[in-house]
Every structure is written in C-alpha cells, then in structure tokens.
C-alpha cells in the first residue's frame, strides 16, 4: 500500500531548522521522482515506530536553499536532526529495514 505523502514546496529557513528542539527527519525530494515515490512506504513504515519524530517532506531542486544548505544531491535524502543538529543521513532508501536501522543509529534512545 503506497503512502500518499506530498512534498511541501514551502520550506523553513535553515536558521529556523537549526533552532528546532526535539527530533526531526527532513526528507528532501519531489512528488514526481520515482526514487522518492518508491521510498514513501518504507520511510512511513519505519517512522511509524517513532511517533515522537517530526517528519518534514521538503520539495527540493535548483534554487531551493534548504536542500542546498544541507548539500543534498540525490533524492530522496533523509536527514535526522536532534535539536537542530544533524545526526545522520540516508540517501535513496529502498526498504523498511534499512530505514529502521538508520533511525536506530541516528536518533537518541527512546
């Protein structure tokens, strides 16, 4: 069952992201990207095991400053943040187990 998530064209500023408290996963990509669409279900399933994590889907591309500030080059790119600081990065995940293992390493223990 495919998830119906959508990437938001409205992105926060990097300055705002750097001040966020708590745990966040930024997911950069686009709605039309095949890799992004394929990753939707694995990412959604893995994040369902972490209900306290803020998940932001950010539309990326040329001229999009937030993605550029993180050096995003391929989609989807997931970036874990704890209190605004990057703790992990995962590019083009294809299965739930890979995303789950990455989250276990990137996020603080529950």
C-alpha atoms as a PDB file:
ATOM      1  CA  UNK A   1       0.000   0.000   0.000  1.00  0.00           C
ATOM      2  CA  UNK A   2       1.624   3.256  -1.127  1.00  0.00           C
ATOM      3  CA  UNK A   3       1.640   6.246   1.142  1.00  0.00           C
ATOM      4  CA  UNK A   4       0.014   9.434  -0.136  1.00  0.00           C
ATOM      5  CA  UNK A   5       2.562  11.842   1.340  1.00  0.00           C
ATOM      6  CA  UNK A   6       3.357  15.007  -0.547  1.00  0.00           C
ATOM      7  CA  UNK A   7       6.496  17.144  -0.580  1.00  0.00           C
ATOM      8  CA  UNK A   8       5.862  20.709   0.527  1.00  0.00           C
ATOM      9  CA  UNK A   9       7.111  23.496  -1.745  1.00  0.00           C
ATOM     10  CA  UNK A  10       7.220  25.761   1.333  1.00  0.00           C
ATOM     11  CA  UNK A  11      10.409  25.118   3.269  1.00  0.00           C
ATOM     12  CA  UNK A  12      11.532  26.612   6.554  1.00  0.00           C
ATOM     13  CA  UNK A  13      14.765  28.579   6.583  1.00  0.00           C
ATOM     14  CA  UNK A  14      17.986  26.885   7.653  1.00  0.00           C
ATOM     15  CA  UNK A  15      18.183  29.347  10.562  1.00  0.00           C
ATOM     16  CA  UNK A  16      14.767  28.151  11.751  1.00  0.00           C
ATOM     17  CA  UNK A  17      15.661  24.463  11.338  1.00  0.00           C
ATOM     18  CA  UNK A  18      18.851  24.966  13.332  1.00  0.00           C
ATOM     19  CA  UNK A  19      16.782  26.180  16.314  1.00  0.00           C
ATOM     20  CA  UNK A  20      14.221  23.344  16.332  1.00  0.00           C
ATOM     21  CA  UNK A  21      14.131  21.324  19.521  1.00  0.00           C
ATOM     22  CA  UNK A  22      13.448  17.622  19.632  1.00  0.00           C
ATOM     23  CA  UNK A  23      13.899  15.040  16.911  1.00  0.00           C
ATOM     24  CA  UNK A  24      13.158  15.721  13.244  1.00  0.00           C
ATOM     25  CA  UNK A  25      13.620  13.849   9.994  1.00  0.00           C
ATOM     26  CA  UNK A  26      13.852  16.088   6.947  1.00  0.00           C
ATOM     27  CA  UNK A  27      13.080  14.241   3.730  1.00  0.00           C
ATOM     28  CA  UNK A  28      14.163  16.034   0.545  1.00  0.00           C
ATOM     29  CA  UNK A  29      12.742  15.068  -2.851  1.00  0.00           C
ATOM     30  CA  UNK A  30       9.835  15.705  -5.207  1.00  0.00           C
ATOM     31  CA  UNK A  31       6.420  14.159  -5.785  1.00  0.00           C
ATOM     32  CA  UNK A  32       7.316  13.175  -9.376  1.00  0.00           C
ATOM     33  CA  UNK A  33      10.650  11.458  -8.545  1.00  0.00           C
ATOM     34  CA  UNK A  34      10.468   7.666  -8.972  1.00  0.00           C
ATOM     35  CA  UNK A  35      13.031   7.027  -6.210  1.00  0.00           C
ATOM     36  CA  UNK A  36      11.058   9.305  -3.868  1.00  0.00           C
ATOM     37  CA  UNK A  37       7.791   7.537  -4.620  1.00  0.00           C
ATOM     38  CA  UNK A  38       9.378   4.122  -4.088  1.00  0.00           C
ATOM     39  CA  UNK A  39      10.780   5.219  -0.711  1.00  0.00           C
ATOM     40  CA  UNK A  40       7.472   6.543   0.648  1.00  0.00           C
ATOM     41  CA  UNK A  41       6.165   3.279   2.082  1.00  0.00           C
ATOM     42  CA  UNK A  42       9.462   2.117   3.685  1.00  0.00           C
ATOM     43  CA  UNK A  43      10.033   5.538   5.255  1.00  0.00           C
ATOM     44  CA  UNK A  44       6.455   5.801   6.517  1.00  0.00           C
ATOM     45  CA  UNK A  45       6.543   2.276   7.978  1.00  0.00           C
ATOM     46  CA  UNK A  46       9.872   2.842   9.742  1.00  0.00           C
ATOM     47  CA  UNK A  47       8.852   6.231  11.138  1.00  0.00           C
ATOM     48  CA  UNK A  48       5.585   4.758  12.452  1.00  0.00           C
ATOM     49  CA  UNK A  49       7.756   3.056  15.101  1.00  0.00           C
ATOM     50  CA  UNK A  50       8.968   6.512  16.241  1.00  0.00           C
ATOM     51  CA  UNK A  51       5.789   8.517  16.939  1.00  0.00           C
ATOM     52  CA  UNK A  52       7.638  11.416  18.593  1.00  0.00           C
ATOM     53  CA  UNK A  53       9.683  12.232  15.487  1.00  0.00           C
ATOM     54  CA  UNK A  54       8.694  15.258  13.391  1.00  0.00           C
ATOM     55  CA  UNK A  55       8.760  14.228   9.700  1.00  0.00           C
ATOM     56  CA  UNK A  56       9.016  17.034   7.127  1.00  0.00           C
ATOM     57  CA  UNK A  57       8.869  16.329   3.400  1.00  0.00           C
ATOM     58  CA  UNK A  58      10.602  19.225   1.657  1.00  0.00           C
ATOM     59  CA  UNK A  59      10.393  19.734  -2.103  1.00  0.00           C
ATOM     60  CA  UNK A  60      13.925  20.089  -3.402  1.00  0.00           C
ATOM     61  CA  UNK A  61      15.563  21.249  -6.593  1.00  0.00           C
ATOM     62  CA  UNK A  62      17.623  24.024  -8.121  1.00  0.00           C
ATOM     63  CA  UNK A  63      17.257  27.272  -6.238  1.00  0.00           C
ATOM     64  CA  UNK A  64      15.882  25.595  -3.105  1.00  0.00           C
ATOM     65  CA  UNK A  65      18.094  26.982  -0.321  1.00  0.00           C
ATOM     66  CA  UNK A  66      17.333  24.466   2.452  1.00  0.00           C
ATOM     67  CA  UNK A  67      18.397  21.452   0.400  1.00  0.00           C
ATOM     68  CA  UNK A  68      21.495  23.303  -0.819  1.00  0.00           C
ATOM     69  CA  UNK A  69      22.442  24.242   2.753  1.00  0.00           C
ATOM     70  CA  UNK A  70      22.484  20.520   3.617  1.00  0.00           C
ATOM     71  CA  UNK A  71      24.370  19.570   0.433  1.00  0.00           C
ATOM     72  CA  UNK A  72      21.537  17.402  -0.901  1.00  0.00           C
ATOM     73  CA  UNK A  73      22.429  15.950  -4.309  1.00  0.00           C
ATOM     74  CA  UNK A  74      20.215  12.849  -4.730  1.00  0.00           C
ATOM     75  CA  UNK A  75      16.571  12.200  -3.883  1.00  0.00           C
ATOM     76  CA  UNK A  76      15.234  11.191  -1.588  1.00  0.00           C
ATOM     77  CA  UNK A  77      17.704  12.253   1.067  1.00  0.00           C
ATOM     78  CA  UNK A  78      16.668  11.858   4.701  1.00  0.00           C
ATOM     79  CA  UNK A  79      18.464  13.907   7.334  1.00  0.00           C
ATOM     80  CA  UNK A  80      17.975  13.233  11.040  1.00  0.00           C
ATOM     81  CA  UNK A  81      18.223  16.204  13.361  1.00  0.00           C
ATOM     82  CA  UNK A  82      18.351  16.297  17.137  1.00  0.00           C
ATOM     83  CA  UNK A  83      17.821  19.797  18.500  1.00  0.00           C
ATOM     84  CA  UNK A  84      18.661  21.231  15.075  1.00  0.00           C
ATOM     85  CA  UNK A  85      21.941  19.323  14.686  1.00  0.00           C
ATOM     86  CA  UNK A  86      22.419  16.675  12.000  1.00  0.00           C
ATOM     87  CA  UNK A  87      22.906  13.207  13.477  1.00  0.00           C
ATOM     88  CA  UNK A  88      22.528  11.066  10.366  1.00  0.00           C
ATOM     89  CA  UNK A  89      21.828  10.976   6.648  1.00  0.00           C
ATOM     90  CA  UNK A  90      20.312   8.306   4.410  1.00  0.00           C
ATOM     91  CA  UNK A  91      20.146   8.560   0.617  1.00  0.00           C
ATOM     92  CA  UNK A  92      17.711   6.621  -1.576  1.00  0.00           C
ATOM     93  CA  UNK A  93      16.439   4.050   0.910  1.00  0.00           C
ATOM     94  CA  UNK A  94      14.630   1.110  -0.656  1.00  0.00           C
ATOM     95  CA  UNK A  95      13.308  -0.945   2.249  1.00  0.00           C
ATOM     96  CA  UNK A  96      11.840  -0.534   5.717  1.00  0.00           C
ATOM     97  CA  UNK A  97      14.619  -2.442   7.485  1.00  0.00           C
ATOM     98  CA  UNK A  98      17.324  -0.124   6.100  1.00  0.00           C
ATOM     99  CA  UNK A  99      15.389   2.941   7.245  1.00  0.00           C
ATOM    100  CA  UNK A 100      14.743   1.363  10.663  1.00  0.00           C
ATOM    101  CA  UNK A 101      18.429   0.553  11.159  1.00  0.00           C
ATOM    102  CA  UNK A 102      19.406   4.072  10.131  1.00  0.00           C
ATOM    103  CA  UNK A 103      16.879   5.590  12.564  1.00  0.00           C
ATOM    104  CA  UNK A 104      18.218   3.404  15.373  1.00  0.00           C
ATOM    105  CA  UNK A 105      21.701   4.823  14.766  1.00  0.00           C
ATOM    106  CA  UNK A 106      20.714   8.439  14.066  1.00  0.00           C
ATOM    107  CA  UNK A 107      18.129   9.039  16.791  1.00  0.00           C
ATOM    108  CA  UNK A 108      18.649   9.151  20.544  1.00  0.00           C
ATOM    109  CA  UNK A 109      17.407   6.141  22.528  1.00  0.00           C
ATOM    110  CA  UNK A 110      13.725   6.363  23.441  1.00  0.00           C
END
